[in-house]
Amino acid sequence: MNRPDHDLVHDNLTSLQAHVLSEEARYPGAQGDLSWILSAISLAGKTIANKVRRARLDGVLGAHGTENVQGEQQLKMDVIANEIIMRCLGDRASVAVLASEEDEEPRILRRSGEGGKYCVLFDPLDGSSNLDSCVGVGTIFSVTVNDPEEPDGEKTVCQPGSKQVAAGYILYGSSTIMCLTTGDGVDMFELDQAIGSFLRVKTKLRIPEKGETYSINEANAETFPEGYQKYLRFAHSSGYTSRYIGSMVSDVHRTLIRGGVFIYPPTAKNPDGKLRLLYEANPMAMLIEQAGGLSYSGDQPTMQIQPERLHQRVPVLLGSPVEVARVREFL
C-alpha cells in the first residue's frame, strides 16, 4: 500500500548526532564546538549505561570507602561514572572547565586563549544509592559559556541558570533515555542497544499543564516549613497521588512526561535545601521551562539565582505550571 511522502519522512530515524548537526545548521556562524561536547556526553552516557547494567556482575555495587566534597559516602559507581565523563570530555578542544558533584574544585582543562569556550557541569550518577535496588538512576549535565576574562575556575562556572546554552539528563532505567535542550524546546532520545545510537523519539516535548501527582519525601514532612505542610494537607484532601522514587532524574522524568510537581523543600536538616544549584537544579529548571513548565527555588525562579559557590544548595519546586502555581499559593 502506498503511503504519503510526508508519512515516510515523519517515520525516518534520526540519531542524536544527526539532530545536533541539523540544529547547528540553523546557525551559520556555528563551528561545531557545542556539537562535539554533546557527542562526548552521549558517549559517556552509553558507557555508563553499560556499567550500570553490569554493576552487580562486575562487583562494583556498594561503597568506595571515601567521601565526596559534600560529606556523602561515595559509591563505586559514583567514582566510575565521574571518571568516564571526565575521560569522554577531557579531549574536547572547546571544553575549558569541568565541574562535578564528586570533586571539590572545578578542573581547568584549557584557557580561552587555548580554545576553551565552554564549561560543563554535571552530577555523574544521581540517585546512585538506589543501584542495589535496581531503581532508575541518571546523569545530569549543564553547559555554559566560559568567561575569557575570569581566570578562576569556580567563578567562571558560577553563572545563573539563565546563561546555560544546553542542559539535560540521561536516565538509566528500563531503557536509556536522554532528554536534551539547547534553548529551543526539549527533545527526547532513546538508546538503541542493537546499533549503539541514541534515536530521537520525541521532539518539542511539552509537560502537561497540570497533573494531580506530587513527588516529595513525606518522611520529612514534620520538618517542612508550614506552607509545604499546608499544601500536603490540600493534596491529601483533593485526591492527589504521591509518587516518589528518591532519584531526581527518575522523579523529574516522570513529572515531565505525565505532569504534576516535584518538590524538594528546606528541612530542619537542610535549611537551605539539599539539591545542588549548578549541576542539579539549574539544568532541570532549564529543561522543565523549555517544555512549558516552571521552576522555583524559594521565592525566585531557579535560573535567576546568582550562584555564590560551586556546591551551593537550594530548595526546588518544579513541574506543571498550574501545579507549581498552586504550591506557591500555600507558600
C-alpha atoms as a PDB file:
ATOM      1  CA  MET A   1       0.000   0.000   0.000  1.00  0.00           C
ATOM      2  CA  ASN A   2       1.385   3.384  -0.991  1.00  0.00           C
ATOM      3  CA  ARG A   3       1.892   5.890   1.800  1.00  0.00           C
ATOM      4  CA  PRO A   4       2.080   9.682   1.509  1.00  0.00           C
ATOM      5  CA  ASP A   5       5.610  11.051   1.281  1.00  0.00           C
ATOM      6  CA  HIS A   6       5.185  13.121   4.443  1.00  0.00           C
ATOM      7  CA  ASP A   7       4.481   9.941   6.435  1.00  0.00           C
ATOM      8  CA  LEU A   8       7.691   8.400   5.163  1.00  0.00           C
ATOM      9  CA  VAL A   9       9.675  11.479   6.146  1.00  0.00           C
ATOM     10  CA  HIS A  10       7.997  11.549   9.551  1.00  0.00           C
ATOM     11  CA  ASP A  11       8.968   7.929  10.174  1.00  0.00           C
ATOM     12  CA  ASN A  12      12.629   8.403   9.286  1.00  0.00           C
ATOM     13  CA  LEU A  13      15.118   7.518  12.005  1.00  0.00           C
ATOM     14  CA  THR A  14      17.079  10.454  13.398  1.00  0.00           C
ATOM     15  CA  SER A  15      20.109   9.894  15.591  1.00  0.00           C
ATOM     16  CA  LEU A  16      21.247  12.285  18.282  1.00  0.00           C
ATOM     17  CA  GLN A  17      24.240  13.230  16.137  1.00  0.00           C
ATOM     18  CA  ALA A  18      22.043  13.982  13.130  1.00  0.00           C
ATOM     19  CA  HIS A  19      19.693  16.005  15.316  1.00  0.00           C
ATOM     20  CA  VAL A  20      22.513  18.076  16.789  1.00  0.00           C
ATOM     21  CA  LEU A  21      24.010  18.713  13.348  1.00  0.00           C
ATOM     22  CA  SER A  22      20.641  19.824  11.979  1.00  0.00           C
ATOM     23  CA  GLU A  23      20.269  22.213  14.919  1.00  0.00           C
ATOM     24  CA  GLU A  24      23.772  23.531  14.332  1.00  0.00           C
ATOM     25  CA  ALA A  25      22.969  24.186  10.656  1.00  0.00           C
ATOM     26  CA  ARG A  26      20.376  26.742  11.768  1.00  0.00           C
ATOM     27  CA  TYR A  27      23.204  28.992  12.981  1.00  0.00           C
ATOM     28  CA  PRO A  28      25.520  29.934  10.090  1.00  0.00           C
ATOM     29  CA  GLY A  29      28.327  31.026  12.410  1.00  0.00           C
ATOM     30  CA  ALA A  30      28.373  27.808  14.449  1.00  0.00           C
ATOM     31  CA  GLN A  31      31.681  25.954  14.407  1.00  0.00           C
ATOM     32  CA  GLY A  32      30.522  22.635  15.846  1.00  0.00           C
ATOM     33  CA  ASP A  33      32.102  23.067  19.281  1.00  0.00           C
ATOM     34  CA  LEU A  34      28.886  22.512  21.234  1.00  0.00           C
ATOM     35  CA  SER A  35      28.001  19.589  18.966  1.00  0.00           C
ATOM     36  CA  TRP A  36      31.279  17.879  19.861  1.00  0.00           C
ATOM     37  CA  ILE A  37      30.537  18.350  23.570  1.00  0.00           C
ATOM     38  CA  LEU A  38      27.047  16.861  23.282  1.00  0.00           C
ATOM     39  CA  SER A  39      28.509  13.960  21.311  1.00  0.00           C
ATOM     40  CA  ALA A  40      31.006  13.326  24.119  1.00  0.00           C
ATOM     41  CA  ILE A  41      28.205  13.413  26.708  1.00  0.00           C
ATOM     42  CA  SER A  42      26.217  10.861  24.711  1.00  0.00           C
ATOM     43  CA  LEU A  43      29.303   8.619  24.519  1.00  0.00           C
ATOM     44  CA  ALA A  44      29.708   8.893  28.285  1.00  0.00           C
ATOM     45  CA  GLY A  45      26.024   8.023  28.697  1.00  0.00           C
ATOM     46  CA  LYS A  46      26.339   4.878  26.593  1.00  0.00           C
ATOM     47  CA  THR A  47      29.380   3.787  28.590  1.00  0.00           C
ATOM     48  CA  ILE A  48      27.765   4.476  31.971  1.00  0.00           C
ATOM     49  CA  ALA A  49      24.578   2.682  30.861  1.00  0.00           C
ATOM     50  CA  ASN A  50      26.645  -0.411  30.152  1.00  0.00           C
ATOM     51  CA  LYS A  51      28.422  -0.173  33.510  1.00  0.00           C
ATOM     52  CA  VAL A  52      25.108   0.284  35.358  1.00  0.00           C
ATOM     53  CA  ARG A  53      23.631  -2.816  33.714  1.00  0.00           C
ATOM     54  CA  ARG A  54      26.678  -4.876  34.719  1.00  0.00           C
ATOM     55  CA  ALA A  55      27.317  -3.293  38.133  1.00  0.00           C
ATOM     56  CA  ARG A  56      26.368  -6.379  40.136  1.00  0.00           C
ATOM     57  CA  LEU A  57      28.077  -8.799  37.758  1.00  0.00           C
ATOM     58  CA  ASP A  58      31.259  -6.726  37.809  1.00  0.00           C
ATOM     59  CA  GLY A  59      31.189  -6.321  41.592  1.00  0.00           C
ATOM     60  CA  VAL A  60      31.026  -2.517  41.569  1.00  0.00           C
ATOM     61  CA  LEU A  61      27.986  -2.044  43.784  1.00  0.00           C
ATOM     62  CA  GLY A  62      28.426  -0.648  47.273  1.00  0.00           C
ATOM     63  CA  ALA A  63      30.696   1.880  48.939  1.00  0.00           C
ATOM     64  CA  HIS A  64      34.002   3.045  47.527  1.00  0.00           C
ATOM     65  CA  GLY A  65      35.319   3.790  51.018  1.00  0.00           C
ATOM     66  CA  THR A  66      35.695   7.549  50.602  1.00  0.00           C
ATOM     67  CA  GLU A  67      33.527  10.657  50.972  1.00  0.00           C
ATOM     68  CA  ASN A  68      32.977  13.333  48.334  1.00  0.00           C
ATOM     69  CA  VAL A  69      33.178  17.065  48.975  1.00  0.00           C
ATOM     70  CA  GLN A  70      29.531  17.008  50.128  1.00  0.00           C
ATOM     71  CA  GLY A  71      30.497  14.724  53.014  1.00  0.00           C
ATOM     72  CA  GLU A  72      28.477  11.952  51.368  1.00  0.00           C
ATOM     73  CA  GLN A  73      29.650   8.346  51.133  1.00  0.00           C
ATOM     74  CA  GLN A  74      30.972   7.742  47.628  1.00  0.00           C
ATOM     75  CA  LEU A  75      29.817   4.592  45.917  1.00  0.00           C
ATOM     76  CA  LYS A  76      31.984   2.658  43.484  1.00  0.00           C
ATOM     77  CA  MET A  77      29.713   3.580  40.587  1.00  0.00           C
ATOM     78  CA  ASP A  78      29.890   7.301  41.522  1.00  0.00           C
ATOM     79  CA  VAL A  79      33.635   7.178  41.035  1.00  0.00           C
ATOM     80  CA  ILE A  80      33.393   5.128  37.833  1.00  0.00           C
ATOM     81  CA  ALA A  81      30.751   7.395  36.269  1.00  0.00           C
ATOM     82  CA  ASN A  82      32.728  10.502  37.204  1.00  0.00           C
ATOM     83  CA  GLU A  83      35.862   9.117  35.594  1.00  0.00           C
ATOM     84  CA  ILE A  84      34.002   8.118  32.421  1.00  0.00           C
ATOM     85  CA  ILE A  85      32.604  11.623  31.918  1.00  0.00           C
ATOM     86  CA  MET A  86      35.964  13.223  32.629  1.00  0.00           C
ATOM     87  CA  ARG A  87      37.673  10.991  30.074  1.00  0.00           C
ATOM     88  CA  CYS A  88      34.998  11.493  27.409  1.00  0.00           C
ATOM     89  CA  LEU A  89      35.046  15.276  27.734  1.00  0.00           C
ATOM     90  CA  GLY A  90      38.706  15.772  28.533  1.00  0.00           C
ATOM     91  CA  ASP A  91      39.948  15.760  24.936  1.00  0.00           C
ATOM     92  CA  ARG A  92      37.194  18.015  23.534  1.00  0.00           C
ATOM     93  CA  ALA A  93      39.196  21.063  22.464  1.00  0.00           C
ATOM     94  CA  SER A  94      36.446  23.557  23.287  1.00  0.00           C
ATOM     95  CA  VAL A  95      35.977  22.481  26.935  1.00  0.00           C
ATOM     96  CA  ALA A  96      37.574  24.975  29.293  1.00  0.00           C
ATOM     97  CA  VAL A  97      36.320  23.763  32.691  1.00  0.00           C
ATOM     98  CA  LEU A  98      34.754  20.565  34.030  1.00  0.00           C
ATOM     99  CA  ALA A  99      32.896  20.720  37.353  1.00  0.00           C
ATOM    100  CA  SER A 100      31.497  17.625  39.059  1.00  0.00           C
ATOM    101  CA  GLU A 101      29.442  16.958  42.157  1.00  0.00           C
ATOM    102  CA  GLU A 102      32.122  14.473  43.174  1.00  0.00           C
ATOM    103  CA  ASP A 103      35.059  16.917  43.043  1.00  0.00           C
ATOM    104  CA  GLU A 104      35.927  19.695  45.475  1.00  0.00           C
ATOM    105  CA  GLU A 105      37.181  22.095  42.807  1.00  0.00           C
ATOM    106  CA  PRO A 106      36.477  22.545  39.080  1.00  0.00           C
ATOM    107  CA  ARG A 107      39.100  21.183  36.714  1.00  0.00           C
ATOM    108  CA  ILE A 108      40.537  23.800  34.369  1.00  0.00           C
ATOM    109  CA  LEU A 109      41.488  21.977  31.171  1.00  0.00           C
ATOM    110  CA  ARG A 110      42.417  24.934  28.968  1.00  0.00           C
ATOM    111  CA  ARG A 111      42.135  28.685  28.900  1.00  0.00           C
ATOM    112  CA  SER A 112      40.105  30.675  26.398  1.00  0.00           C
ATOM    113  CA  GLY A 113      43.291  31.513  24.502  1.00  0.00           C
ATOM    114  CA  GLU A 114      43.805  27.776  24.042  1.00  0.00           C
ATOM    115  CA  GLY A 115      40.304  27.271  22.642  1.00  0.00           C
ATOM    116  CA  GLY A 116      38.382  26.793  25.889  1.00  0.00           C
ATOM    117  CA  LYS A 117      34.897  28.081  25.070  1.00  0.00           C
ATOM    118  CA  TYR A 118      32.574  26.104  27.333  1.00  0.00           C
ATOM    119  CA  CYS A 119      32.176  24.900  30.910  1.00  0.00           C
ATOM    120  CA  VAL A 120      30.459  21.566  31.548  1.00  0.00           C
ATOM    121  CA  LEU A 121      28.934  20.863  34.967  1.00  0.00           C
ATOM    122  CA  PHE A 122      27.472  17.508  35.922  1.00  0.00           C
ATOM    123  CA  ASP A 123      26.185  15.115  38.522  1.00  0.00           C
ATOM    124  CA  PRO A 124      27.716  11.888  37.187  1.00  0.00           C
ATOM    125  CA  LEU A 125      25.286   9.428  38.786  1.00  0.00           C
ATOM    126  CA  ASP A 126      22.288  10.955  40.521  1.00  0.00           C
ATOM    127  CA  GLY A 127      20.440   8.506  42.773  1.00  0.00           C
ATOM    128  CA  SER A 128      23.344   6.045  42.844  1.00  0.00           C
ATOM    129  CA  SER A 129      22.330   4.740  46.287  1.00  0.00           C
ATOM    130  CA  ASN A 130      19.343   3.137  44.513  1.00  0.00           C
ATOM    131  CA  LEU A 131      21.508   0.921  42.324  1.00  0.00           C
ATOM    132  CA  ASP A 132      21.374  -2.004  44.750  1.00  0.00           C
ATOM    133  CA  SER A 133      17.579  -1.972  44.327  1.00  0.00           C
ATOM    134  CA  CYS A 134      17.657  -1.769  40.505  1.00  0.00           C
ATOM    135  CA  VAL A 135      15.951   1.652  40.568  1.00  0.00           C
ATOM    136  CA  GLY A 136      16.496   4.129  37.736  1.00  0.00           C
ATOM    137  CA  VAL A 137      19.489   6.445  38.164  1.00  0.00           C
ATOM    138  CA  GLY A 138      20.876   9.134  35.900  1.00  0.00           C
ATOM    139  CA  THR A 139      23.415  11.700  34.774  1.00  0.00           C
ATOM    140  CA  ILE A 140      22.543  15.418  34.837  1.00  0.00           C
ATOM    141  CA  PHE A 141      24.552  17.950  32.827  1.00  0.00           C
ATOM    142  CA  SER A 142      24.728  21.672  32.143  1.00  0.00           C
ATOM    143  CA  VAL A 143      26.779  23.629  29.576  1.00  0.00           C
ATOM    144  CA  THR A 144      27.666  27.313  29.926  1.00  0.00           C
ATOM    145  CA  VAL A 145      29.976  29.673  28.068  1.00  0.00           C
ATOM    146  CA  ASN A 146      33.409  30.204  29.602  1.00  0.00           C
ATOM    147  CA  ASP A 147      34.203  33.774  30.643  1.00  0.00           C
ATOM    148  CA  PRO A 148      37.540  34.599  28.946  1.00  0.00           C
ATOM    149  CA  GLU A 149      38.168  37.407  31.448  1.00  0.00           C
ATOM    150  CA  GLU A 150      37.796  35.171  34.510  1.00  0.00           C
ATOM    151  CA  PRO A 151      40.884  33.076  35.411  1.00  0.00           C
ATOM    152  CA  ASP A 152      39.258  31.419  38.436  1.00  0.00           C
ATOM    153  CA  GLY A 153      37.538  28.123  37.598  1.00  0.00           C
ATOM    154  CA  GLU A 154      34.872  28.319  40.291  1.00  0.00           C
ATOM    155  CA  LYS A 155      33.936  31.900  39.473  1.00  0.00           C
ATOM    156  CA  THR A 156      33.540  31.223  35.768  1.00  0.00           C
ATOM    157  CA  VAL A 157      31.131  28.330  36.377  1.00  0.00           C
ATOM    158  CA  CYS A 158      29.100  30.285  38.936  1.00  0.00           C
ATOM    159  CA  GLN A 159      26.674  31.668  36.373  1.00  0.00           C
ATOM    160  CA  PRO A 160      22.882  31.961  36.681  1.00  0.00           C
ATOM    161  CA  GLY A 161      20.972  29.150  35.023  1.00  0.00           C
ATOM    162  CA  SER A 162      19.579  31.645  32.513  1.00  0.00           C
ATOM    163  CA  LYS A 163      23.021  31.625  30.869  1.00  0.00           C
ATOM    164  CA  GLN A 164      23.044  27.896  30.150  1.00  0.00           C
ATOM    165  CA  VAL A 165      23.408  27.079  26.455  1.00  0.00           C
ATOM    166  CA  ALA A 166      22.457  23.410  26.867  1.00  0.00           C
ATOM    167  CA  ALA A 167      21.196  21.117  29.604  1.00  0.00           C
ATOM    168  CA  GLY A 168      19.787  17.661  30.004  1.00  0.00           C
ATOM    169  CA  TYR A 169      19.867  14.293  31.663  1.00  0.00           C
ATOM    170  CA  ILE A 170      20.409  10.655  30.796  1.00  0.00           C
ATOM    171  CA  LEU A 171      18.147   8.200  32.612  1.00  0.00           C
ATOM    172  CA  TYR A 172      19.393   4.629  33.072  1.00  0.00           C
ATOM    173  CA  GLY A 173      16.201   2.666  33.674  1.00  0.00           C
ATOM    174  CA  SER A 174      14.201   0.043  31.808  1.00  0.00           C
ATOM    175  CA  SER A 175      15.592   1.845  28.775  1.00  0.00           C
ATOM    176  CA  THR A 176      18.283   4.510  28.476  1.00  0.00           C
ATOM    177  CA  ILE A 177      16.707   7.898  27.776  1.00  0.00           C
ATOM    178  CA  MET A 178      18.395  11.219  27.040  1.00  0.00           C
ATOM    179  CA  CYS A 179      16.408  14.460  27.311  1.00  0.00           C
ATOM    180  CA  LEU A 180      18.158  17.497  25.879  1.00  0.00           C
ATOM    181  CA  THR A 181      17.573  21.193  25.346  1.00  0.00           C
ATOM    182  CA  THR A 182      19.781  23.737  23.611  1.00  0.00           C
ATOM    183  CA  GLY A 183      17.322  26.550  24.231  1.00  0.00           C
ATOM    184  CA  ASP A 184      14.757  25.686  21.559  1.00  0.00           C
ATOM    185  CA  GLY A 185      12.465  23.182  23.237  1.00  0.00           C
ATOM    186  CA  VAL A 186      13.119  19.707  24.622  1.00  0.00           C
ATOM    187  CA  ASP A 187      13.874  16.606  22.567  1.00  0.00           C
ATOM    188  CA  MET A 188      13.966  13.032  23.836  1.00  0.00           C
ATOM    189  CA  PHE A 189      16.196  10.237  22.586  1.00  0.00           C
ATOM    190  CA  GLU A 190      16.282   6.525  23.400  1.00  0.00           C
ATOM    191  CA  LEU A 191      19.388   4.372  23.175  1.00  0.00           C
ATOM    192  CA  ASP A 192      19.020   1.526  20.692  1.00  0.00           C
ATOM    193  CA  GLN A 193      21.394  -1.063  22.129  1.00  0.00           C
ATOM    194  CA  ALA A 194      21.453  -3.013  18.857  1.00  0.00           C
ATOM    195  CA  ILE A 195      23.071  -0.193  16.887  1.00  0.00           C
ATOM    196  CA  GLY A 196      24.637   1.769  19.742  1.00  0.00           C
ATOM    197  CA  SER A 197      22.918   5.036  18.897  1.00  0.00           C
ATOM    198  CA  PHE A 198      20.533   7.413  20.629  1.00  0.00           C
ATOM    199  CA  LEU A 199      17.482   7.766  18.379  1.00  0.00           C
ATOM    200  CA  ARG A 200      15.079  10.688  18.590  1.00  0.00           C
ATOM    201  CA  VAL A 201      11.668   9.556  19.833  1.00  0.00           C
ATOM    202  CA  LYS A 202      10.002  12.878  20.731  1.00  0.00           C
ATOM    203  CA  THR A 203      10.509  16.446  19.546  1.00  0.00           C
ATOM    204  CA  LYS A 204       9.382  19.667  21.220  1.00  0.00           C
ATOM    205  CA  LEU A 205       8.273  17.725  24.286  1.00  0.00           C
ATOM    206  CA  ARG A 206       5.697  19.615  26.392  1.00  0.00           C
ATOM    207  CA  ILE A 207       4.918  18.998  30.036  1.00  0.00           C
ATOM    208  CA  PRO A 208       1.173  18.701  30.772  1.00  0.00           C
ATOM    209  CA  GLU A 209      -0.335  21.955  32.067  1.00  0.00           C
ATOM    210  CA  LYS A 210      -1.436  20.196  35.238  1.00  0.00           C
ATOM    211  CA  GLY A 211      -1.340  16.800  36.872  1.00  0.00           C
ATOM    212  CA  GLU A 212      -2.639  15.658  40.230  1.00  0.00           C
ATOM    213  CA  THR A 213       0.592  13.958  41.261  1.00  0.00           C
ATOM    214  CA  TYR A 214       3.212  15.271  43.665  1.00  0.00           C
ATOM    215  CA  SER A 215       6.715  13.955  44.242  1.00  0.00           C
ATOM    216  CA  ILE A 216       8.194  14.691  47.666  1.00  0.00           C
ATOM    217  CA  ASN A 217       9.837  12.804  50.516  1.00  0.00           C
ATOM    218  CA  GLU A 218       6.970  12.906  53.004  1.00  0.00           C
ATOM    219  CA  ALA A 219       9.074  11.189  55.658  1.00  0.00           C
ATOM    220  CA  ASN A 220      10.487  14.674  56.362  1.00  0.00           C
ATOM    221  CA  ALA A 221       7.085  16.413  56.348  1.00  0.00           C
ATOM    222  CA  GLU A 222       7.152  17.349  60.047  1.00  0.00           C
ATOM    223  CA  THR A 223      10.270  19.442  59.456  1.00  0.00           C
ATOM    224  CA  PHE A 224       8.988  21.177  56.289  1.00  0.00           C
ATOM    225  CA  PRO A 225       8.073  24.858  56.525  1.00  0.00           C
ATOM    226  CA  GLU A 226       4.370  25.320  57.281  1.00  0.00           C
ATOM    227  CA  GLY A 227       3.447  26.291  53.698  1.00  0.00           C
ATOM    228  CA  TYR A 228       4.558  22.915  52.341  1.00  0.00           C
ATOM    229  CA  GLN A 229       2.671  21.116  55.098  1.00  0.00           C
ATOM    230  CA  LYS A 230      -0.484  23.063  54.171  1.00  0.00           C
ATOM    231  CA  TYR A 231      -0.027  22.067  50.533  1.00  0.00           C
ATOM    232  CA  LEU A 232       0.280  18.411  51.508  1.00  0.00           C
ATOM    233  CA  ARG A 233      -2.930  18.613  53.519  1.00  0.00           C
ATOM    234  CA  PHE A 234      -4.618  20.101  50.459  1.00  0.00           C
ATOM    235  CA  ALA A 235      -3.197  17.367  48.200  1.00  0.00           C
ATOM    236  CA  HIS A 236      -4.360  14.625  50.578  1.00  0.00           C
ATOM    237  CA  SER A 237      -7.886  16.020  50.764  1.00  0.00           C
ATOM    238  CA  SER A 238      -8.092  16.593  46.992  1.00  0.00           C
ATOM    239  CA  GLY A 239      -7.289  13.074  45.833  1.00  0.00           C
ATOM    240  CA  TYR A 240      -3.768  13.765  44.596  1.00  0.00           C
ATOM    241  CA  THR A 241      -1.411  10.829  44.063  1.00  0.00           C
ATOM    242  CA  SER A 242       2.026  10.609  45.692  1.00  0.00           C
ATOM    243  CA  ARG A 243       4.920   9.275  43.598  1.00  0.00           C
ATOM    244  CA  TYR A 244       8.460   9.495  44.990  1.00  0.00           C
ATOM    245  CA  ILE A 245      11.370   7.377  43.792  1.00  0.00           C
ATOM    246  CA  GLY A 246      14.267   9.140  45.509  1.00  0.00           C
ATOM    247  CA  SER A 247      16.253   9.565  42.305  1.00  0.00           C
ATOM    248  CA  MET A 248      15.874  13.112  40.973  1.00  0.00           C
ATOM    249  CA  VAL A 249      16.310  12.099  37.325  1.00  0.00           C
ATOM    250  CA  SER A 250      13.599   9.435  37.608  1.00  0.00           C
ATOM    251  CA  ASP A 251      11.198  11.677  39.509  1.00  0.00           C
ATOM    252  CA  VAL A 252      11.672  14.668  37.195  1.00  0.00           C
ATOM    253  CA  HIS A 253      11.400  12.485  34.079  1.00  0.00           C
ATOM    254  CA  ARG A 254       8.059  11.121  35.252  1.00  0.00           C
ATOM    255  CA  THR A 255       6.891  14.656  36.073  1.00  0.00           C
ATOM    256  CA  LEU A 256       7.967  15.882  32.635  1.00  0.00           C
ATOM    257  CA  ILE A 257       6.094  13.094  30.850  1.00  0.00           C
ATOM    258  CA  ARG A 258       2.965  12.820  32.994  1.00  0.00           C
ATOM    259  CA  GLY A 259       2.672  16.194  34.679  1.00  0.00           C
ATOM    260  CA  GLY A 260       2.486  17.124  38.326  1.00  0.00           C
ATOM    261  CA  VAL A 261       5.031  18.684  40.618  1.00  0.00           C
ATOM    262  CA  PHE A 262       8.434  17.735  42.051  1.00  0.00           C
ATOM    263  CA  ILE A 263       9.287  19.311  45.408  1.00  0.00           C
ATOM    264  CA  TYR A 264      12.452  19.225  47.488  1.00  0.00           C
ATOM    265  CA  PRO A 265      11.782  21.736  50.283  1.00  0.00           C
ATOM    266  CA  PRO A 266      14.042  23.077  53.001  1.00  0.00           C
ATOM    267  CA  THR A 267      14.097  20.834  56.065  1.00  0.00           C
ATOM    268  CA  ALA A 268      15.400  21.095  59.602  1.00  0.00           C
ATOM    269  CA  LYS A 269      18.424  19.064  58.488  1.00  0.00           C
ATOM    270  CA  ASN A 270      18.951  21.047  55.268  1.00  0.00           C
ATOM    271  CA  PRO A 271      17.506  24.535  55.878  1.00  0.00           C
ATOM    272  CA  ASP A 272      18.947  25.857  52.608  1.00  0.00           C
ATOM    273  CA  GLY A 273      17.681  22.885  50.616  1.00  0.00           C
ATOM    274  CA  LYS A 274      19.639  19.822  49.549  1.00  0.00           C
ATOM    275  CA  LEU A 275      19.879  19.845  45.754  1.00  0.00           C
ATOM    276  CA  ARG A 276      22.900  21.461  44.146  1.00  0.00           C
ATOM    277  CA  LEU A 277      22.077  24.612  42.191  1.00  0.00           C
ATOM    278  CA  LEU A 278      24.663  24.381  39.423  1.00  0.00           C
ATOM    279  CA  TYR A 279      24.504  20.755  38.346  1.00  0.00           C
ATOM    280  CA  GLU A 280      21.085  19.578  39.521  1.00  0.00           C
ATOM    281  CA  ALA A 281      18.589  22.432  39.952  1.00  0.00           C
ATOM    282  CA  ASN A 282      19.671  24.674  37.048  1.00  0.00           C
ATOM    283  CA  PRO A 283      19.795  22.037  34.286  1.00  0.00           C
ATOM    284  CA  MET A 284      16.477  20.531  35.396  1.00  0.00           C
ATOM    285  CA  ALA A 285      14.946  24.008  35.569  1.00  0.00           C
ATOM    286  CA  MET A 286      16.059  24.757  32.013  1.00  0.00           C
ATOM    287  CA  LEU A 287      14.583  21.503  30.732  1.00  0.00           C
ATOM    288  CA  ILE A 288      11.274  21.948  32.523  1.00  0.00           C
ATOM    289  CA  GLU A 289      10.888  25.582  31.453  1.00  0.00           C
ATOM    290  CA  GLN A 290      11.795  24.768  27.859  1.00  0.00           C
ATOM    291  CA  ALA A 291       8.988  22.194  27.999  1.00  0.00           C
ATOM    292  CA  GLY A 292       6.499  24.806  29.221  1.00  0.00           C
ATOM    293  CA  GLY A 293       6.816  24.223  32.972  1.00  0.00           C
ATOM    294  CA  LEU A 294       8.044  26.332  35.880  1.00  0.00           C
ATOM    295  CA  SER A 295      10.867  26.033  38.399  1.00  0.00           C
ATOM    296  CA  TYR A 296      11.395  27.957  41.633  1.00  0.00           C
ATOM    297  CA  SER A 297      13.940  27.844  44.419  1.00  0.00           C
ATOM    298  CA  GLY A 298      12.445  29.706  47.348  1.00  0.00           C
ATOM    299  CA  ASP A 299      10.871  32.952  46.150  1.00  0.00           C
ATOM    300  CA  GLN A 300      12.981  33.159  42.987  1.00  0.00           C
ATOM    301  CA  PRO A 301      12.809  31.383  39.668  1.00  0.00           C
ATOM    302  CA  THR A 302      15.634  28.863  39.939  1.00  0.00           C
ATOM    303  CA  MET A 303      17.522  30.122  36.910  1.00  0.00           C
ATOM    304  CA  GLN A 304      17.617  33.729  38.165  1.00  0.00           C
ATOM    305  CA  ILE A 305      19.688  32.895  41.248  1.00  0.00           C
ATOM    306  CA  GLN A 306      23.262  34.172  41.149  1.00  0.00           C
ATOM    307  CA  PRO A 307      25.429  31.272  42.398  1.00  0.00           C
ATOM    308  CA  GLU A 308      27.991  32.108  45.048  1.00  0.00           C
ATOM    309  CA  ARG A 309      29.888  28.821  45.187  1.00  0.00           C
ATOM    310  CA  LEU A 310      30.250  25.592  43.238  1.00  0.00           C
ATOM    311  CA  HIS A 311      28.387  23.266  45.587  1.00  0.00           C
ATOM    312  CA  GLN A 312      25.653  25.692  46.648  1.00  0.00           C
ATOM    313  CA  ARG A 313      22.408  24.001  47.663  1.00  0.00           C
ATOM    314  CA  VAL A 314      18.854  25.219  47.081  1.00  0.00           C
ATOM    315  CA  PRO A 315      15.272  24.017  47.574  1.00  0.00           C
ATOM    316  CA  VAL A 316      13.494  23.073  44.353  1.00  0.00           C
ATOM    317  CA  LEU A 317       9.890  23.295  43.195  1.00  0.00           C
ATOM    318  CA  LEU A 318       9.296  22.421  39.540  1.00  0.00           C
ATOM    319  CA  GLY A 319       6.752  20.880  37.220  1.00  0.00           C
ATOM    320  CA  SER A 320       3.460  21.645  35.506  1.00  0.00           C
ATOM    321  CA  PRO A 321       2.704  25.393  35.572  1.00  0.00           C
ATOM    322  CA  VAL A 322      -0.730  25.012  37.181  1.00  0.00           C
ATOM    323  CA  GLU A 323       0.608  22.742  39.922  1.00  0.00           C
ATOM    324  CA  VAL A 324       3.682  24.879  40.680  1.00  0.00           C
ATOM    325  CA  ALA A 325       1.450  27.940  40.975  1.00  0.00           C
ATOM    326  CA  ARG A 326      -0.846  26.010  43.319  1.00  0.00           C
ATOM    327  CA  VAL A 327       2.036  25.049  45.623  1.00  0.00           C
ATOM    328  CA  ARG A 328       3.270  28.640  45.646  1.00  0.00           C
ATOM    329  CA  GLU A 329      -0.159  29.832  46.829  1.00  0.00           C
ATOM    330  CA  PHE A 330       0.451  27.924  50.067  1.00  0.00           C
ATOM    331  CA  LEU A 331       3.979  29.313  50.414  1.00  0.00           C
END
